[in-house]
Amino acid sequence: MFNEVINKSNIRMPYNKVFNWAEALPKNIILKKQIQAENLFKKIGVTFSVYNNYDVSERLIPFDMFPRILSSMEWMKIEKGIKQRSIAINAFLNDVYHRAEIIKAKVIPDKLIYNNPAYDIRMVGFNVPKNIYSPIIGTDIIRTNEINFNVLEDNCRTPSGVSYMIENREIMMRMFPELFESLNIEAVDSYPSHLVDILKSLAPKKCKSDPKIVILTPGHLNSAYYEHSFLADLMGVELVQGSDLFVNNNITYMKTTEGPKKIDIIYRRIDDEYLDPLYYKNDSLLGVPGVIDSYKTENVNICSAPGAGLADDKAIYTFMPDIIKFYLGEEPILKNIKTWRCYDKKEFKYVINNLEKLVIKEVHGSGGYGMLIGSKASKKELNIFKNKIKKAPDNFIAQPILELSTVPIFDKASLSERHVDLRPFSLIGHKKFKLVNGALTRVALKKNSLIVNSSQGGGVKDTWVLAD
């Protein structure tokens, strides 16, 4: 297990000042600041929604005040690796919806593409603006030692969490301005303007003026609704629901008090199947009837493109090193972690015989749901998953139980190690790539837990990238 702050009894360089500062903070000040942080979150309204069979509620996301810090050299490697991955993902999506050269070359089995529920046959042969299917990608990264950053998964459809990245920074700057005066910390508040710039570079062919952008949300019950409204406000664009838009003669309009206004770019935060009841779920009340026809006639761009979720798939993830080599002719800068494909007979046998040593994930799962950590599971749970895998091996992958790196949290005014991951948000447009020098750090608040998702009891930290 790699401790990001203390290595071989020495405080690592990025943390020198901060660790000494944290150790010297009086307990009453820590408790006071924790209450202040919680009150700021309440005041700002930084929440996420939980809804399942037992709970329908809105909660404050737990925030820890000890920052996660990366040096400029560490960040440079992450940035290069994410840029490489973003370019390869978009090249892959463009290929599988056109010539499918990667399948013809037998690099990826065709069944992983054509039997995948995220594969959208309606997109075959359609040229998306500038060949960018997924302009916003959240890459989940874990650290296992001093030099290695590994990718755990890619989020290409509607990655969430960027609002927490920005608000975490705002709150830390309010509470501890002295730290920002003594350390040269890169800013993250340029993300919304970068996002506008990237989206505008992807205007559809028939857009002849400054592109009009809207954010399409499913509504206030969505777990990321706070983020949708937060981004719309900072980007200076309208937040709309499906009922606010309509299509006439294949042109998409927004209803306003001044009459219809033409829309050029929809940054959608709803899933594919709800986008257009004329194409997908015919009972969807969240989407816009006719918007796919508007998209296909190049009157509007939908970001991310329908079908882009194919690259989210955890079975496709296992081929990312091959995808990078195939399209870019390069070795991956950020490597995957070891992954077993349960559809492969040899790997299936290993997984079935070693469940207690592995993390089992559904290939289409997200948010920490549909997974099993073998070492923490009961015999009953292991047997349930064994039967699930046997019944549908294509639906599962397995990975080793990795000791994620640790960063301290303030636990009742004392520092205590907790596991973390990292989600930077890359933006890729027409001949443009942007990555703000910061990210969302998710932290497992329970001791020894490896689950960092907020929906599963995790929290967040501010992430600092130190400038040279």
Protein backbone atom coordinates (compact mmCIF):
# COMPACT_ATOMS: atom_id res chain seq x y z
CA MET A 1 0.00 0.00 0.00
CA PHE A 2 1.50 3.33 -1.09
CA ASN A 3 1.21 6.22 1.35
CA GLU A 4 1.21 9.39 -0.77
CA VAL A 5 2.30 11.59 2.14
CA ILE A 6 4.92 9.59 4.02
CA ASN A 7 7.36 7.27 2.25
CA LYS A 8 9.98 5.37 4.28
CA SER A 9 9.36 7.65 7.27
CA ASN A 10 10.00 10.77 5.19
CA ILE A 11 7.34 13.30 4.20
CA ARG A 12 7.15 13.33 0.40
CA MET A 13 8.09 16.63 -1.26
CA PRO A 14 4.61 17.79 -2.40
CA TYR A 15 3.28 17.46 1.16
CA ASN A 16 6.12 19.06 3.15
CA LYS A 17 4.37 22.28 4.17
CA VAL A 18 0.83 20.91 4.30
CA PHE A 19 1.57 17.93 6.54
CA ASN A 20 3.39 20.08 9.10
CA TRP A 21 0.54 22.60 8.95
CA ALA A 22 -2.08 19.86 9.50
CA GLU A 23 -0.14 18.31 12.38
CA ALA A 24 0.14 21.70 14.09
CA LEU A 25 -3.56 22.61 13.78
CA PRO A 26 -5.20 22.71 17.21
CA LYS A 27 -8.06 20.21 17.58
CA ASN A 28 -10.60 22.93 18.36
CA ILE A 29 -9.66 24.72 15.11
CA ILE A 30 -10.04 21.50 13.10
CA LEU A 31 -13.50 20.86 14.52
CA LYS A 32 -14.49 24.49 13.96
CA LYS A 33 -13.28 24.37 10.34
CA GLN A 34 -15.12 21.09 9.73
CA ILE A 35 -18.37 22.72 10.86
CA GLN A 36 -17.56 25.77 8.73
CA ALA A 37 -16.97 23.56 5.67
CA GLU A 38 -20.25 21.73 6.20
CA ASN A 39 -22.11 25.03 6.57
CA LEU A 40 -20.53 26.33 3.36
CA PHE A 41 -21.63 23.19 1.51
CA LYS A 42 -25.16 23.66 2.87
CA LYS A 43 -25.18 27.33 1.93
CA ILE A 44 -23.91 26.66 -1.59
CA GLY A 45 -26.14 23.59 -1.90
CA VAL A 46 -23.48 21.06 -2.92
CA THR A 47 -25.55 17.89 -2.87
CA PHE A 48 -26.05 14.56 -4.59
CA SER A 49 -29.29 12.60 -4.74
CA VAL A 50 -29.80 9.06 -3.52
CA TYR A 51 -32.74 7.09 -4.78
CA ASN A 52 -33.42 3.41 -4.50
CA ASN A 53 -36.17 1.19 -3.12
CA TYR A 54 -35.50 2.33 0.43
CA ASP A 55 -34.27 5.89 0.17
CA VAL A 56 -35.16 8.95 -1.87
CA SER A 57 -33.18 11.86 -0.50
CA GLU A 58 -30.72 14.61 -1.21
CA ARG A 59 -27.51 14.65 0.80
CA LEU A 60 -24.46 16.82 1.33
CA ILE A 61 -21.42 15.12 -0.11
CA PRO A 62 -18.88 14.42 2.68
CA PHE A 63 -15.85 16.71 2.31
CA ASP A 64 -12.45 16.24 3.92
CA MET A 65 -10.14 19.21 4.47
CA PHE A 66 -6.76 17.51 4.03
CA PRO A 67 -5.87 18.10 0.35
CA ARG A 68 -4.51 15.54 -2.09
CA ILE A 69 -1.37 17.01 -3.71
CA LEU A 70 0.48 16.18 -6.94
CA SER A 71 3.73 17.66 -8.21
CA SER A 72 3.93 19.26 -11.65
CA MET A 73 6.00 16.29 -12.90
CA GLU A 74 3.43 13.79 -11.68
CA TRP A 75 0.66 15.80 -13.30
CA MET A 76 2.56 16.04 -16.59
CA LYS A 77 2.56 12.24 -16.89
CA ILE A 78 -1.15 12.06 -16.07
CA GLU A 79 -1.95 14.78 -18.61
CA LYS A 80 0.00 13.10 -21.42
CA GLY A 81 -1.60 9.76 -20.66
CA ILE A 82 -5.12 11.15 -20.58
CA LYS A 83 -4.65 13.07 -23.84
CA GLN A 84 -3.39 9.90 -25.53
CA ARG A 85 -6.34 7.93 -24.18
CA SER A 86 -8.92 10.56 -25.18
CA ILE A 87 -7.66 10.67 -28.78
CA ALA A 88 -7.64 6.86 -29.00
CA ILE A 89 -11.16 6.52 -27.57
CA ASN A 90 -12.60 8.91 -30.15
CA ALA A 91 -10.69 7.20 -32.97
CA PHE A 92 -12.06 3.86 -31.79
CA LEU A 93 -15.67 5.11 -31.70
CA ASN A 94 -15.35 6.68 -35.13
CA ASP A 95 -13.96 3.43 -36.51
CA VAL A 96 -16.54 1.01 -35.06
CA TYR A 97 -19.39 3.14 -36.44
CA HIS A 98 -17.75 3.30 -39.89
CA ARG A 99 -15.17 0.92 -41.41
CA ALA A 100 -14.66 -1.22 -38.26
CA GLU A 101 -11.01 -1.80 -39.13
CA ILE A 102 -10.19 -2.84 -35.55
CA ILE A 103 -12.72 -5.68 -35.81
CA LYS A 104 -11.53 -6.73 -39.28
CA ALA A 105 -8.00 -6.86 -37.87
CA LYS A 106 -9.32 -9.17 -35.10
CA VAL A 107 -7.92 -6.91 -32.40
CA ILE A 108 -11.31 -6.88 -30.65
CA PRO A 109 -13.89 -9.71 -30.94
CA ASP A 110 -16.89 -8.52 -32.94
CA LYS A 111 -19.35 -9.80 -30.31
CA LEU A 112 -18.00 -7.28 -27.78
CA ILE A 113 -19.09 -4.52 -30.15
CA TYR A 114 -22.20 -5.77 -31.89
CA ASN A 115 -23.76 -7.54 -28.88
CA ASN A 116 -23.06 -4.60 -26.60
CA PRO A 117 -26.20 -2.76 -25.39
CA ALA A 118 -24.31 0.55 -25.67
CA TYR A 119 -23.63 -0.01 -29.38
CA ASP A 120 -26.11 2.12 -31.32
CA ILE A 121 -26.76 0.71 -34.80
CA ARG A 122 -28.52 3.98 -35.74
CA MET A 123 -25.12 5.69 -35.59
CA VAL A 124 -23.50 3.46 -38.21
CA GLY A 125 -22.23 5.55 -41.12
CA PHE A 126 -23.17 8.89 -39.54
CA ASN A 127 -20.35 11.45 -39.43
CA VAL A 128 -20.46 13.19 -36.08
CA PRO A 129 -19.11 16.77 -36.09
CA LYS A 130 -15.29 16.74 -36.33
CA ASN A 131 -15.31 12.98 -35.50
CA ILE A 132 -15.49 13.74 -31.77
CA TYR A 133 -17.93 11.33 -30.13
CA SER A 134 -16.94 11.91 -26.54
CA PRO A 135 -15.69 15.47 -25.86
CA ILE A 136 -15.86 15.11 -22.05
CA ILE A 137 -14.11 12.12 -20.50
CA GLY A 138 -13.70 11.36 -16.80
CA THR A 139 -10.77 8.96 -16.34
CA ASP A 140 -10.62 7.08 -13.04
CA ILE A 141 -7.01 6.68 -11.96
CA ILE A 142 -5.46 4.83 -9.05
CA ARG A 143 -1.93 4.98 -7.73
CA THR A 144 -0.12 1.91 -6.48
CA ASN A 145 3.42 3.20 -5.92
CA GLU A 146 5.76 6.21 -6.25
CA ILE A 147 5.75 6.28 -10.07
CA ASN A 148 2.77 4.29 -11.35
CA PHE A 149 -0.64 5.75 -12.12
CA ASN A 150 -3.04 3.19 -13.56
CA VAL A 151 -6.42 3.65 -15.21
CA LEU A 152 -9.27 1.86 -13.48
CA GLU A 153 -11.99 2.83 -15.98
CA ASP A 154 -13.08 5.41 -18.54
CA ASN A 155 -16.31 7.43 -18.27
CA CYS A 156 -17.24 8.68 -21.73
CA ARG A 157 -20.99 9.20 -21.68
CA THR A 158 -21.93 11.69 -18.98
CA PRO A 159 -19.08 11.77 -16.41
CA SER A 160 -20.03 13.61 -13.24
CA GLY A 161 -18.12 15.19 -10.37
CA VAL A 162 -16.50 18.24 -11.96
CA SER A 163 -18.67 20.58 -9.86
CA TYR A 164 -17.22 19.02 -6.70
CA MET A 165 -13.71 19.59 -8.06
CA ILE A 166 -14.46 23.31 -8.45
CA GLU A 167 -16.44 23.74 -5.22
CA ASN A 168 -13.87 21.82 -3.15
CA ARG A 169 -11.31 24.40 -4.24
CA GLU A 170 -13.62 27.34 -3.51
CA ILE A 171 -14.24 26.10 0.03
CA MET A 172 -10.57 25.38 0.76
CA MET A 173 -9.60 28.86 -0.45
CA ARG A 174 -12.19 30.43 1.84
CA MET A 175 -11.16 28.42 4.88
CA PHE A 176 -7.36 28.36 4.49
CA PRO A 177 -6.27 31.36 2.39
CA GLU A 178 -2.85 31.27 4.05
CA LEU A 179 -2.07 27.94 2.33
CA PHE A 180 -2.78 29.39 -1.09
CA GLU A 181 -0.55 32.36 -0.32
CA SER A 182 2.39 30.15 0.67
CA LEU A 183 2.02 27.47 -2.05
CA ASN A 184 1.89 27.87 -5.83
CA ILE A 185 -1.28 25.86 -6.57
CA GLU A 186 -2.68 25.60 -10.08
CA ALA A 187 -6.22 26.96 -10.57
CA VAL A 188 -9.22 24.85 -11.66
CA ASP A 189 -11.86 27.55 -12.14
CA SER A 190 -11.22 27.82 -15.90
CA TYR A 191 -13.01 24.49 -16.57
CA PRO A 192 -16.44 25.99 -17.48
CA SER A 193 -14.93 28.43 -20.01
CA HIS A 194 -12.80 25.62 -21.49
CA LEU A 195 -15.93 23.48 -21.81
CA VAL A 196 -17.76 26.24 -23.69
CA ASP A 197 -14.76 26.66 -26.00
CA ILE A 198 -14.53 22.91 -26.70
CA LEU A 199 -18.27 22.56 -27.36
CA LYS A 200 -18.29 25.55 -29.70
CA SER A 201 -15.48 23.93 -31.71
CA LEU A 202 -17.90 21.04 -32.35
CA ALA A 203 -20.72 23.11 -33.86
CA PRO A 204 -22.78 21.21 -36.47
CA LYS A 205 -22.31 21.90 -40.20
CA LYS A 206 -25.44 24.00 -40.56
CA CYS A 207 -24.55 26.34 -37.70
CA LYS A 208 -23.69 29.66 -39.37
CA SER A 209 -23.30 31.90 -36.30
CA ASP A 210 -22.03 31.79 -32.73
CA PRO A 211 -23.28 28.36 -31.51
CA LYS A 212 -26.08 28.38 -28.96
CA ILE A 213 -25.44 25.77 -26.23
CA VAL A 214 -27.84 24.25 -23.70
CA ILE A 215 -27.38 21.61 -21.00
CA LEU A 216 -30.11 18.95 -21.14
CA THR A 217 -30.90 17.53 -17.69
CA PRO A 218 -33.34 14.77 -16.67
CA GLY A 219 -34.48 17.05 -13.84
CA HIS A 220 -33.99 17.67 -10.14
CA LEU A 221 -34.33 14.01 -9.11
CA ASN A 222 -31.16 13.08 -10.98
CA SER A 223 -28.19 12.35 -8.70
CA ALA A 224 -26.04 14.94 -10.53
CA TYR A 225 -28.69 17.67 -10.89
CA TYR A 226 -26.71 20.06 -8.69
CA GLU A 227 -23.83 19.74 -11.13
CA HIS A 228 -26.05 20.38 -14.16
CA SER A 229 -27.35 23.65 -12.73
CA PHE A 230 -23.91 24.62 -11.39
CA LEU A 231 -22.26 24.19 -14.81
CA ALA A 232 -25.05 25.96 -16.69
CA ASP A 233 -24.63 28.95 -14.39
CA LEU A 234 -20.82 29.12 -14.76
CA MET A 235 -20.92 28.48 -18.52
CA GLY A 236 -23.56 31.14 -19.05
CA VAL A 237 -25.89 28.72 -20.87
CA GLU A 238 -29.47 27.61 -20.32
CA LEU A 239 -30.29 24.50 -18.29
CA VAL A 240 -33.22 22.78 -20.00
CA GLN A 241 -35.38 19.71 -19.71
CA GLY A 242 -36.83 17.86 -22.66
CA SER A 243 -40.10 19.77 -22.43
CA ASP A 244 -38.20 23.06 -22.95
CA LEU A 245 -37.07 22.00 -26.43
CA PHE A 246 -38.91 21.10 -29.63
CA VAL A 247 -38.00 20.21 -33.20
CA ASN A 248 -39.56 21.76 -36.30
CA ASN A 249 -38.36 20.97 -39.85
CA ASN A 250 -35.40 19.12 -38.27
CA ILE A 251 -34.25 22.27 -36.45
CA THR A 252 -34.07 22.20 -32.65
CA TYR A 253 -35.53 25.15 -30.76
CA MET A 254 -35.76 26.25 -27.14
CA LYS A 255 -39.03 27.72 -25.90
CA THR A 256 -38.56 31.20 -24.43
CA THR A 257 -40.81 34.08 -23.43
CA GLU A 258 -39.51 35.90 -26.52
CA GLY A 259 -40.40 33.02 -28.82
CA PRO A 260 -38.43 30.01 -30.15
CA LYS A 261 -34.62 30.22 -30.18
CA LYS A 262 -32.53 27.92 -32.37
CA ILE A 263 -30.20 25.56 -30.49
CA ASP A 264 -26.94 24.33 -32.02
CA ILE A 265 -25.30 22.20 -29.32
CA ILE A 266 -26.91 20.04 -26.65
CA TYR A 267 -24.59 19.02 -23.81
CA ARG A 268 -26.76 16.16 -22.71
CA ARG A 269 -26.74 14.71 -19.22
CA ILE A 270 -29.38 12.06 -19.93
CA ASP A 271 -28.80 8.50 -21.13
CA ASP A 272 -29.16 7.46 -24.77
CA GLU A 273 -32.43 5.59 -24.37
CA TYR A 274 -34.24 8.71 -23.10
CA LEU A 275 -32.96 11.16 -25.75
CA ASP A 276 -35.72 10.83 -28.34
CA PRO A 277 -38.97 8.84 -27.92
CA LEU A 278 -39.23 8.56 -31.71
CA TYR A 279 -35.94 6.60 -31.83
CA TYR A 280 -35.44 5.03 -28.41
CA LYS A 281 -37.83 4.44 -25.49
CA ASN A 282 -41.18 5.56 -26.86
CA ASP A 283 -42.51 6.32 -23.37
CA SER A 284 -39.62 8.64 -22.44
CA LEU A 285 -40.75 12.01 -21.12
CA LEU A 286 -37.17 13.23 -20.59
CA GLY A 287 -36.06 13.59 -24.19
CA VAL A 288 -37.01 15.63 -27.24
CA PRO A 289 -39.15 14.07 -30.03
CA GLY A 290 -37.31 14.46 -33.34
CA VAL A 291 -33.95 15.55 -31.89
CA ILE A 292 -32.15 12.60 -33.52
CA ASP A 293 -33.48 13.66 -36.94
CA SER A 294 -32.22 17.17 -36.15
CA TYR A 295 -28.85 15.63 -35.25
CA LYS A 296 -28.69 13.41 -38.34
CA THR A 297 -29.47 16.37 -40.64
CA GLU A 298 -26.55 18.30 -39.08
CA ASN A 299 -28.70 21.01 -37.53
CA VAL A 300 -27.72 20.23 -33.94
CA ASN A 301 -24.87 18.43 -32.22
CA ILE A 302 -25.46 16.14 -29.25
CA CYS A 303 -22.48 15.83 -26.89
CA SER A 304 -21.61 13.12 -26.10
CA ALA A 305 -22.80 11.33 -29.22
CA PRO A 306 -25.39 8.56 -28.92
CA GLY A 307 -23.50 5.28 -28.76
CA ALA A 308 -20.40 6.83 -27.16
CA GLY A 309 -21.11 4.76 -24.04
CA LEU A 310 -19.59 1.80 -25.85
CA ALA A 311 -16.20 3.09 -24.67
CA ASP A 312 -17.43 3.05 -21.04
CA ASP A 313 -17.84 -0.70 -21.16
CA LYS A 314 -15.48 -2.54 -18.83
CA ALA A 315 -14.92 -5.34 -21.36
CA ILE A 316 -13.84 -2.72 -23.94
CA TYR A 317 -11.60 -1.19 -21.24
CA THR A 318 -9.55 -4.40 -21.21
CA PHE A 319 -8.59 -3.68 -24.84
CA MET A 320 -7.53 -0.05 -24.33
CA PRO A 321 -3.78 -0.80 -24.61
CA ASP A 322 -4.52 -2.53 -27.95
CA ILE A 323 -6.79 0.34 -29.03
CA ILE A 324 -4.02 2.89 -28.34
CA LYS A 325 -1.48 0.82 -30.28
CA PHE A 326 -3.90 0.22 -33.19
CA TYR A 327 -4.87 3.85 -33.79
CA LEU A 328 -1.83 5.76 -32.53
CA GLY A 329 1.01 3.27 -32.89
CA GLU A 330 2.10 4.06 -29.33
CA GLU A 331 2.52 2.25 -26.04
CA PRO A 332 0.01 3.43 -23.40
CA ILE A 333 1.43 6.07 -21.08
CA LEU A 334 -1.11 5.20 -18.38
CA LYS A 335 -1.49 1.46 -18.13
CA ASN A 336 -4.61 -0.54 -17.30
CA ILE A 337 -4.65 -2.76 -14.26
CA LYS A 338 -4.60 -6.52 -14.74
CA THR A 339 -8.09 -7.66 -15.80
CA TRP A 340 -9.55 -11.10 -16.47
CA ARG A 341 -12.24 -11.45 -19.15
CA CYS A 342 -14.81 -13.93 -17.92
CA TYR A 343 -15.96 -14.80 -21.46
CA ASP A 344 -12.51 -16.31 -22.10
CA LYS A 345 -12.63 -19.99 -20.99
CA LYS A 346 -9.17 -20.03 -19.46
CA GLU A 347 -9.64 -16.73 -17.61
CA PHE A 348 -13.18 -17.75 -16.58
CA LYS A 349 -11.76 -20.84 -14.86
CA TYR A 350 -9.22 -18.75 -12.95
CA VAL A 351 -11.88 -16.28 -11.82
CA ILE A 352 -14.31 -18.97 -10.64
CA ASN A 353 -11.55 -20.66 -8.63
CA ASN A 354 -10.23 -17.44 -7.07
CA LEU A 355 -13.27 -15.27 -6.35
CA GLU A 356 -12.14 -14.48 -2.81
CA LYS A 357 -8.95 -12.84 -4.19
CA LEU A 358 -10.66 -10.69 -6.83
CA VAL A 359 -12.94 -7.73 -7.45
CA ILE A 360 -15.78 -8.79 -9.77
CA LYS A 361 -17.50 -6.09 -11.85
CA GLU A 362 -20.44 -6.04 -14.22
CA VAL A 363 -19.18 -4.77 -17.57
CA HIS A 364 -22.05 -2.27 -17.80
CA GLY A 365 -22.11 -1.37 -14.09
CA SER A 366 -21.25 1.99 -12.53
CA GLY A 367 -21.35 3.93 -9.26
CA GLY A 368 -19.98 1.02 -7.23
CA TYR A 369 -23.09 -1.08 -7.90
CA GLY A 370 -23.04 -4.62 -9.32
CA MET A 371 -19.60 -5.44 -7.93
CA LEU A 372 -18.12 -7.84 -5.42
CA ILE A 373 -14.92 -7.49 -3.39
CA GLY A 374 -14.07 -11.14 -2.81
CA SER A 375 -12.06 -10.70 0.38
CA LYS A 376 -14.97 -8.85 2.04
CA ALA A 377 -17.74 -11.17 0.80
CA SER A 378 -19.53 -13.92 2.72
CA LYS A 379 -19.71 -17.49 1.39
CA LYS A 380 -23.30 -16.81 0.36
CA GLU A 381 -22.32 -13.69 -1.61
CA LEU A 382 -19.45 -15.54 -3.29
CA ASN A 383 -21.80 -18.32 -4.38
CA ILE A 384 -24.36 -15.83 -5.71
CA PHE A 385 -21.70 -14.16 -7.87
CA LYS A 386 -20.25 -17.51 -8.94
CA ASN A 387 -23.67 -18.49 -10.29
CA LYS A 388 -24.11 -15.09 -11.96
CA ILE A 389 -20.79 -15.43 -13.75
CA LYS A 390 -21.51 -18.99 -14.83
CA LYS A 391 -24.89 -17.95 -16.20
CA ALA A 392 -23.59 -14.90 -18.14
CA PRO A 393 -19.76 -14.81 -18.30
CA ASP A 394 -19.84 -12.06 -20.97
CA ASN A 395 -21.32 -9.71 -18.37
CA PHE A 396 -18.35 -9.76 -15.97
CA ILE A 397 -14.69 -8.93 -15.65
CA ALA A 398 -12.41 -9.52 -12.68
CA GLN A 399 -9.49 -7.54 -11.28
CA PRO A 400 -7.07 -8.07 -8.40
CA ILE A 401 -7.92 -6.49 -5.06
CA LEU A 402 -5.55 -3.55 -5.25
CA GLU A 403 -4.34 -1.55 -2.30
CA LEU A 404 -5.21 1.95 -3.51
CA SER A 405 -2.82 4.65 -2.34
CA THR A 406 -3.72 6.50 0.83
CA VAL A 407 -3.96 10.14 1.89
CA PRO A 408 -4.96 11.21 5.41
CA ILE A 409 -8.38 12.52 6.40
CA PHE A 410 -9.23 14.54 9.50
CA ASP A 411 -10.97 11.84 11.56
CA LYS A 412 -12.30 13.42 14.74
CA ALA A 413 -9.54 16.05 14.55
CA SER A 414 -6.79 13.45 14.08
CA LEU A 415 -5.10 12.42 10.83
CA SER A 416 -5.99 8.91 9.69
CA GLU A 417 -5.08 7.17 6.40
CA ARG A 418 -7.81 6.47 3.83
CA HIS A 419 -7.79 5.05 0.29
CA VAL A 420 -8.29 7.44 -2.64
CA ASP A 421 -8.72 7.51 -6.40
CA LEU A 422 -8.51 10.36 -8.91
CA ARG A 423 -10.86 11.55 -11.66
CA PRO A 424 -9.46 14.23 -13.99
CA PHE A 425 -11.88 15.63 -16.60
CA SER A 426 -10.43 15.97 -20.08
CA LEU A 427 -12.00 18.04 -22.85
CA ILE A 428 -11.32 17.20 -26.48
CA GLY A 429 -12.68 19.21 -29.41
CA HIS A 430 -11.72 20.12 -32.96
CA LYS A 431 -7.91 20.40 -32.87
CA LYS A 432 -8.17 21.28 -29.17
CA PHE A 433 -7.43 19.49 -25.91
CA LYS A 434 -7.92 20.95 -22.44
CA LEU A 435 -7.25 19.50 -19.02
CA VAL A 436 -7.40 21.84 -16.05
CA ASN A 437 -4.58 21.23 -13.58
CA GLY A 438 -6.71 19.56 -10.97
CA ALA A 439 -9.16 16.71 -10.52
CA LEU A 440 -11.76 15.17 -8.26
CA THR A 441 -10.23 13.04 -5.53
CA ARG A 442 -12.71 10.57 -4.11
CA VAL A 443 -11.92 9.11 -0.70
CA ALA A 444 -13.18 6.05 1.19
CA LEU A 445 -14.21 7.49 4.55
CA LYS A 446 -14.48 4.10 6.26
CA LYS A 447 -11.20 2.69 7.56
CA ASN A 448 -9.73 -0.02 5.27
CA SER A 449 -12.58 0.42 2.77
CA LEU A 450 -11.75 0.50 -0.96
CA ILE A 451 -15.14 1.96 -1.97
CA VAL A 452 -14.80 5.66 -2.81
CA ASN A 453 -18.15 6.31 -4.55
CA SER A 454 -20.35 8.90 -2.83
CA SER A 455 -23.36 6.62 -3.39
CA GLN A 456 -21.55 3.97 -1.33
CA GLY A 457 -20.44 6.22 1.54
CA GLY A 458 -17.33 7.85 0.06
CA GLY A 459 -16.37 11.51 0.20
CA VAL A 460 -14.27 14.06 -1.69
CA LYS A 461 -11.08 16.09 -1.28
CA ASP A 462 -9.60 19.12 -2.98
CA THR A 463 -6.84 18.10 -5.41
CA TRP A 464 -3.83 20.39 -5.73
CA VAL A 465 -1.35 20.39 -8.58
CA LEU A 466 1.73 22.38 -7.63
CA ALA A 467 3.14 24.73 -10.24
CA ASP A 468 6.91 24.77 -10.86
